Protein backbone atom coordinates (compact mmCIF):
# COMPACT_ATOMS: atom_id res chain seq x y z
CA MET A 1 -6.77 21.69 7.43
CA ALA A 2 -6.91 19.01 10.12
CA ALA A 3 -3.84 16.94 11.57
CA PRO A 4 -2.66 14.20 9.95
CA VAL A 5 -4.55 10.85 11.06
CA LEU A 6 -2.28 7.55 11.74
CA PHE A 7 -4.20 4.24 12.74
CA HIS A 8 -2.45 1.57 14.61
CA HIS A 9 -3.30 -1.24 17.91
CA PRO A 10 -1.37 -3.46 20.01
CA SER A 11 -2.92 -6.64 18.16
CA SER A 12 -0.06 -6.09 15.41
CA LEU A 13 2.50 -7.33 17.91
CA GLU A 14 0.45 -10.70 18.81
CA HIS A 15 0.74 -12.10 15.33
CA ASP A 16 3.71 -14.42 15.97
CA PRO A 17 5.01 -16.41 13.01
CA GLY A 18 7.96 -17.03 14.54
CA PRO A 19 11.40 -17.24 13.56
CA HIS A 20 10.07 -14.90 10.59
CA PRO A 21 11.34 -11.70 8.46
CA GLU A 22 7.91 -10.44 9.15
CA GLN A 23 8.03 -9.98 12.60
CA PRO A 24 6.53 -8.00 15.35
CA ALA A 25 9.72 -5.89 15.84
CA ARG A 26 8.65 -4.04 12.84
CA ILE A 27 6.03 -2.40 14.16
CA VAL A 28 8.08 -1.02 17.16
CA ALA A 29 10.46 0.05 14.64
CA ILE A 30 8.52 2.60 12.96
CA GLU A 31 6.32 3.46 16.13
CA ARG A 32 9.56 4.17 17.97
CA ALA A 33 10.90 6.23 14.88
CA LEU A 34 8.15 8.36 14.50
CA GLU A 35 7.86 9.03 18.59
CA ASP A 36 11.22 10.01 18.63
CA ARG A 37 10.10 12.63 15.69
CA GLY A 38 6.65 13.50 17.85
CA TRP A 39 4.79 11.91 15.67
CA LEU A 40 5.08 14.42 12.63
CA GLY A 41 2.05 16.29 14.21
CA PHE A 42 -0.35 13.06 13.72
CA ASP A 43 -3.19 12.69 15.24
CA VAL A 44 -2.62 8.66 16.71
CA ARG A 45 -5.58 6.49 17.03
CA SER A 46 -5.91 3.11 17.71
CA SER A 47 -7.59 1.12 15.01
CA PRO A 48 -11.07 -0.76 14.67
CA PRO A 49 -11.71 -4.36 13.66
CA ALA A 50 -12.77 -5.14 9.96
CA ALA A 51 -16.51 -5.91 9.96
CA ARG A 52 -17.42 -8.97 8.22
CA ALA A 53 -18.68 -7.13 5.27
CA GLN A 54 -16.06 -5.38 4.43
CA LEU A 55 -13.79 -8.30 4.30
CA GLU A 56 -16.37 -10.40 2.28
CA ALA A 57 -15.98 -7.56 -0.31
CA VAL A 58 -13.35 -8.98 -1.42
CA HIS A 59 -12.63 -12.60 0.06
CA PRO A 60 -15.38 -15.34 0.54
CA ALA A 61 -16.48 -16.45 3.34
CA ARG A 62 -14.56 -19.81 3.17
CA LEU A 63 -11.36 -18.31 3.59
CA ILE A 64 -11.96 -15.66 6.41
CA ASN A 65 -13.49 -18.47 8.20
CA GLY A 66 -10.66 -20.92 7.58
CA ILE A 67 -8.04 -17.94 9.10
CA GLN A 68 -10.54 -17.87 11.66
CA GLU A 69 -10.54 -21.54 12.80
CA LEU A 70 -6.48 -22.10 11.97
CA CYS A 71 -5.85 -19.22 14.92
CA ALA A 72 -8.22 -20.42 17.29
CA ALA A 73 -6.81 -23.63 16.84
CA GLY A 74 -3.80 -22.74 18.05
CA GLY A 75 -2.04 -20.94 14.91
CA GLY A 76 -0.28 -23.17 11.99
CA ALA A 77 0.79 -22.65 8.68
CA ILE A 78 -1.21 -21.46 5.77
CA ASP A 79 1.84 -22.04 2.92
CA ALA A 80 5.65 -22.22 3.59
CA ASP A 81 5.59 -18.24 3.76
CA THR A 82 2.51 -17.73 5.70
CA VAL A 83 2.44 -18.68 9.58
CA VAL A 84 -0.44 -17.76 12.36
CA SER A 85 -0.98 -17.88 15.82
CA PRO A 86 -3.89 -17.53 18.42
CA GLY A 87 -3.18 -13.64 17.87
CA SER A 88 -3.00 -13.45 13.74
CA TRP A 89 -6.40 -13.54 14.13
CA GLU A 90 -7.11 -10.41 16.10
CA ALA A 91 -4.22 -8.15 14.34
CA ALA A 92 -5.91 -9.51 10.98
CA LEU A 93 -9.02 -7.57 12.02
CA HIS A 94 -7.10 -4.33 12.52
CA SER A 95 -4.86 -4.52 9.89
CA ALA A 96 -7.59 -4.56 7.50
CA GLY A 97 -9.72 -2.50 10.02
CA GLY A 98 -7.37 0.13 10.32
CA ALA A 99 -7.45 0.59 6.42
CA CYS A 100 -10.60 1.05 6.09
CA ALA A 101 -10.69 3.44 8.85
CA VAL A 102 -7.86 5.51 6.75
CA VAL A 103 -10.84 5.67 4.07
CA ASP A 104 -13.89 6.83 6.59
CA THR A 105 -11.29 9.33 8.32
CA LEU A 106 -10.35 11.11 4.41
CA ILE A 107 -13.84 11.06 2.91
CA GLY A 108 -16.41 9.75 5.47
CA MET A 109 -17.37 13.31 5.64
CA PRO A 110 -17.50 14.94 1.98
CA GLY A 111 -17.05 18.73 1.97
CA ALA A 112 -16.16 18.62 5.41
CA VAL A 113 -13.77 21.90 5.49
CA ASP A 114 -11.37 20.57 8.60
CA ALA A 115 -11.36 16.94 7.29
CA PRO A 116 -7.75 15.52 6.90
CA ARG A 117 -5.95 15.35 3.64
CA LEU A 118 -3.27 12.18 5.09
CA ALA A 119 -3.86 9.34 6.71
CA VAL A 120 -1.81 6.21 7.26
CA SER A 121 -2.63 2.44 8.73
CA VAL A 122 0.73 1.25 10.51
CA HIS A 123 -0.28 -2.50 10.66
CA ARG A 124 0.80 -6.15 10.36
CA PRO A 125 0.43 -8.37 9.12
CA PRO A 126 0.65 -6.70 5.63
CA GLY A 127 -1.99 -7.61 2.74
CA HIS A 128 -0.81 -7.11 -0.97
CA HIS A 129 -0.35 -10.88 -2.08
CA ALA A 130 -3.42 -12.24 -0.13
CA GLU A 131 -5.51 -13.27 -3.42
CA ILE A 132 -9.23 -13.25 -3.71
CA ARG A 133 -9.02 -16.98 -2.62
CA ARG A 134 -6.15 -17.54 -0.99
CA SER A 135 -3.34 -16.25 1.59
CA MET A 136 0.11 -16.03 0.84
CA GLY A 137 3.38 -14.25 0.85
CA PHE A 138 2.99 -13.37 4.60
CA CYS A 139 -0.09 -11.89 4.26
CA LEU A 140 -3.97 -12.85 5.01
CA PHE A 141 -6.47 -10.39 4.19
CA ASN A 142 -5.49 -8.24 1.32
CA ASN A 143 -6.17 -4.69 3.31
CA VAL A 144 -5.76 -2.25 0.64
CA ALA A 145 -8.25 -3.88 -1.54
CA VAL A 146 -10.82 -3.68 1.48
CA ALA A 147 -9.88 -0.16 1.74
CA ALA A 148 -10.47 0.35 -1.64
CA ARG A 149 -13.77 -1.80 -2.01
CA HIS A 150 -15.12 0.29 1.30
CA ALA A 151 -14.15 3.22 -0.30
CA ARG A 152 -16.58 2.89 -3.51
CA ASP A 153 -18.94 0.97 -1.12
CA ALA A 154 -19.64 2.56 1.63
CA HIS A 155 -18.77 6.05 0.13
CA GLY A 156 -19.40 6.47 -3.22
CA VAL A 157 -15.90 6.64 -4.37
CA ARG A 158 -16.02 6.42 -8.14
CA ARG A 159 -12.37 5.64 -8.89
CA VAL A 160 -9.31 4.64 -6.67
CA LEU A 161 -6.05 5.19 -7.72
CA ILE A 162 -3.78 2.32 -5.83
CA LEU A 163 0.63 2.82 -6.19
CA ASP A 164 2.29 0.04 -4.80
CA TRP A 165 6.04 0.75 -4.51
CA ASP A 166 6.85 -2.48 -2.17
CA VAL A 167 9.83 -4.46 -4.04
CA HIS A 168 7.68 -7.83 -4.51
CA HIS A 169 4.78 -7.87 -6.90
CA GLY A 170 1.11 -7.22 -5.27
CA ASN A 171 -0.44 -10.24 -7.00
CA GLY A 172 -3.16 -10.15 -4.79
CA THR A 173 -4.24 -6.49 -5.44
CA GLN A 174 -4.05 -7.39 -8.98
CA ASP A 175 -6.04 -10.23 -8.40
CA VAL A 176 -8.88 -8.16 -6.75
CA PHE A 177 -9.25 -6.13 -9.70
CA TRP A 178 -8.09 -7.27 -12.95
CA GLU A 179 -11.68 -6.92 -14.56
CA ASP A 180 -12.47 -3.44 -12.44
CA ASP A 181 -12.34 -0.11 -14.14
CA GLY A 182 -12.50 1.79 -10.53
CA VAL A 183 -9.62 0.62 -9.51
CA LEU A 184 -6.42 1.79 -11.40
CA PHE A 185 -3.41 -0.33 -9.52
CA CYS A 186 0.03 0.87 -10.43
CA SER A 187 2.81 -1.81 -9.16
CA ILE A 188 6.77 -0.60 -9.36
CA HIS A 189 8.60 -4.11 -8.38
CA GLN A 190 11.88 -6.15 -8.74
CA SER A 191 11.43 -8.70 -11.42
CA PRO A 192 12.38 -11.53 -11.34
CA LEU A 193 11.21 -11.46 -7.89
CA TYR A 194 8.76 -13.47 -5.38
CA PRO A 195 5.70 -14.05 -6.34
CA GLY A 196 6.78 -14.36 -10.06
CA THR A 197 4.08 -12.34 -11.43
CA GLY A 198 3.24 -8.67 -12.34
CA ALA A 199 4.43 -8.28 -15.83
CA ALA A 200 4.46 -5.65 -18.19
CA ASP A 201 2.02 -6.78 -20.83
CA ASP A 202 -0.54 -7.75 -17.44
CA VAL A 203 -2.90 -5.28 -17.90
CA GLY A 204 -6.33 -6.36 -17.08
CA ALA A 205 -9.21 -7.85 -18.62
CA GLY A 206 -12.85 -7.03 -19.87
CA PRO A 207 -14.16 -3.34 -18.10
CA GLY A 208 -10.30 -3.54 -16.13
CA HIS A 209 -8.33 -3.97 -19.57
CA GLY A 210 -6.01 -1.28 -19.32
CA TYR A 211 -6.51 -0.67 -15.87
CA THR A 212 -3.42 -2.95 -14.31
CA VAL A 213 -0.29 -1.08 -14.67
CA ASN A 214 2.69 -3.25 -14.10
CA LEU A 215 6.16 -1.76 -14.02
CA PRO A 216 8.64 -4.18 -13.10
CA VAL A 217 12.33 -3.02 -13.01
CA PRO A 218 15.31 -5.13 -12.72
CA PRO A 219 17.36 -6.08 -9.36
CA GLY A 220 19.38 -2.97 -8.34
CA ALA A 221 17.42 -0.83 -9.57
CA GLY A 222 17.53 2.49 -7.14
CA ASP A 223 16.31 6.16 -6.98
CA ASP A 224 16.72 7.31 -10.39
CA VAL A 225 14.37 4.23 -11.11
CA PHE A 226 11.75 4.11 -8.50
CA CYS A 227 11.24 8.00 -8.52
CA SER A 228 11.15 8.12 -12.27
CA LEU A 229 8.31 5.63 -12.73
CA VAL A 230 6.27 7.30 -10.11
CA GLU A 231 6.54 10.70 -11.48
CA HIS A 232 6.68 10.47 -14.99
CA VAL A 233 3.85 7.42 -15.34
CA VAL A 234 2.13 7.08 -12.35
CA VAL A 235 1.30 10.77 -11.60
CA PRO A 236 0.12 11.61 -15.39
CA LEU A 237 -1.84 8.36 -15.06
CA ALA A 238 -3.56 9.59 -12.30
CA ARG A 239 -4.00 13.32 -14.31
CA SER A 240 -5.87 11.02 -16.97
CA TYR A 241 -8.57 8.91 -14.46
CA ASP A 242 -9.03 11.26 -12.07
CA PRO A 243 -9.21 9.65 -9.09
CA GLY A 244 -11.20 10.27 -6.05
CA LEU A 245 -8.43 8.90 -3.72
CA ILE A 246 -4.90 8.02 -3.36
CA LEU A 247 -4.01 4.43 -1.57
CA ILE A 248 -0.14 3.97 -1.16
CA SER A 249 0.43 0.25 -0.66
CA ALA A 250 3.47 1.33 1.39
CA GLY A 251 6.67 -1.60 1.75
CA PHE A 252 10.16 -0.27 1.76
CA ASP A 253 11.12 -3.49 0.87
CA ALA A 254 12.62 -1.72 -2.50
CA HIS A 255 15.57 -0.36 0.30
CA ARG A 256 19.24 -1.10 -0.33
CA ASP A 257 19.80 -2.17 3.01
CA ASP A 258 16.68 -4.63 2.56
CA PRO A 259 18.03 -8.53 2.78
CA LEU A 260 14.93 -9.97 0.66
CA ALA A 261 15.65 -8.22 -2.70
CA ASP A 262 18.05 -6.45 -4.43
CA GLY A 263 16.58 -2.80 -4.80
CA GLN A 264 18.93 0.56 -4.17
CA VAL A 265 16.39 2.65 -2.80
CA SER A 266 17.47 5.49 -0.52
CA ASP A 267 15.88 7.10 2.26
CA ALA A 268 15.71 10.19 0.42
CA GLY A 269 14.13 7.88 -2.91
CA TYR A 270 11.30 7.55 -0.90
CA GLY A 271 10.50 11.05 0.46
CA THR A 272 10.80 12.26 -2.95
CA MET A 273 8.02 9.55 -4.53
CA ALA A 274 5.92 10.45 -1.49
CA THR A 275 6.55 13.99 -3.07
CA SER A 276 5.11 13.39 -6.46
CA VAL A 277 1.99 11.38 -4.92
CA ARG A 278 1.30 14.71 -2.43
CA ALA A 279 2.13 17.42 -5.26
CA VAL A 280 -0.30 15.19 -7.47
CA ALA A 281 -3.14 14.77 -5.16
CA ASP A 282 -3.07 18.32 -4.58
CA GLU A 283 -3.14 19.35 -8.06
CA LEU A 284 -5.99 16.84 -8.43
CA ARG A 285 -7.64 17.89 -5.19
CA ILE A 286 -7.55 14.70 -3.13
CA PRO A 287 -6.42 12.81 -0.38
CA VAL A 288 -4.05 10.40 0.02
CA GLY A 289 -4.25 6.92 2.41
CA VAL A 290 -1.11 5.07 3.23
CA VAL A 291 -1.10 1.24 4.06
CA LEU A 292 1.81 -0.30 5.44
CA GLU A 293 3.31 -3.37 3.49
CA GLY A 294 6.72 -4.97 3.65
CA GLY A 295 10.09 -3.77 4.05
CA TYR A 296 12.74 -6.36 6.77
CA ASP A 297 15.60 -4.34 7.78
CA LEU A 298 14.29 -2.63 10.25
CA GLY A 299 16.11 0.80 10.22
CA ALA A 300 15.35 1.02 6.57
CA LEU A 301 11.71 0.76 7.22
CA ALA A 302 11.51 3.04 10.04
CA ARG A 303 13.22 5.52 8.29
CA GLY A 304 11.68 4.89 4.45
CA MET A 305 8.31 5.07 6.54
CA THR A 306 9.07 8.48 7.97
CA ALA A 307 10.61 9.70 5.48
CA THR A 308 7.88 9.26 3.28
CA LEU A 309 5.12 10.52 5.55
CA GLU A 310 7.20 13.52 6.54
CA ALA A 311 6.61 14.14 2.66
CA LEU A 312 3.25 13.36 2.62
CA ALA A 313 2.61 15.89 5.59
CA ALA A 314 4.71 18.71 4.53
CA GLU A 315 2.90 22.18 5.20
CA GLY A 316 2.03 25.05 2.40
CA PRO A 317 2.57 24.04 -0.89
CA VAL A 318 4.25 21.37 -2.54
CA SER A 319 6.01 21.08 -6.16
CA ALA A 320 6.90 17.99 -7.88
CA PRO A 321 10.70 16.88 -7.76
CA ALA A 322 12.62 17.97 -11.25
CA LEU A 323 13.66 14.95 -12.05
CA GLY A 324 14.79 13.10 -15.51
CA VAL A 325 12.66 10.90 -17.49
CA HIS A 326 14.67 7.30 -16.81
CA PRO A 327 14.58 5.17 -20.09
CA LEU A 328 12.36 2.54 -18.73
CA ALA A 329 9.81 5.15 -17.52
CA GLU A 330 9.69 6.54 -21.03
CA ARG A 331 8.94 3.15 -22.43
CA TYR A 332 6.45 2.67 -20.19
CA ARG A 333 4.64 5.77 -20.44
CA GLU A 334 4.66 5.01 -24.38
CA ARG A 335 2.89 2.14 -23.60
CA HIS A 336 0.29 2.67 -20.87
CA ALA A 337 -0.53 6.31 -22.66
CA ALA A 338 -2.07 4.58 -25.26
CA LEU A 339 -4.00 2.14 -22.85
CA LEU A 340 -5.71 4.98 -20.77
CA GLY A 341 -5.31 7.83 -23.21
CA ALA A 342 -2.56 9.90 -20.97
């Protein structure tokens, strides 16, 4: 089995929104932590920029051109939370391109005996708040959505599961796949909290009805809630849905140390969630891709990412964690079992 692959690019450090939680130091913190651990055995590579066609598979030309032109003009504010600088255009291209490179690495050569089963994109800006026609919430392009669409369009993957455990709802990813049964979007997020979307009864529409799975949790939710939701809701849905690829929108702002929310997830909690994902991916014999989202305490971010990648990259067979079913997980399991037949 080939070594897992990590994509990064120095342009992530050139996206400068000024005094802002989503800062270049986030990438520095992650990379220092991984370097101290020998990169956990990952094959570290430079990411390519996203191709125009990859971006236009999700976003209209008007949005893409507008970001490019604003960056070329010296930068400025898209909204109160989302600011670009001259270097943001290149950073955004590589952030989306790194996510697509994850897909190409995992499934570009179907059946290859030495294909890696794990790849990660460590880039900024993040992406899961970017809607089809609107950049927002620190996000310019929706990197994980671009990657999922690329997996289907370029590689023929029929079904992709996206697990978003960022503490903020992935409203952009929901927007992209709202009427699409080719992507099962599962979001665990604090509610109430920005952006105010992601109600449990928001389940998609048309052909996508039932394939948006929102799992809002109250402020103060910690390992017992998050880990149970992954193991007892997302994992059974994955078995029922039978995807060809799992992508994790990996935000680390549900951590107990994060300043922008009220989550109480620990370093170990991220490792446990990742172990659940690794176990079901092994069971289904499919690869896992990780795309960085939020996380604004530098220490918690670096430790959370390290714990996640360490669990996903563990050698040998992996057993699912032994976890009790939290009452909230039981409630959501009943709701979504009816929708997807899990």
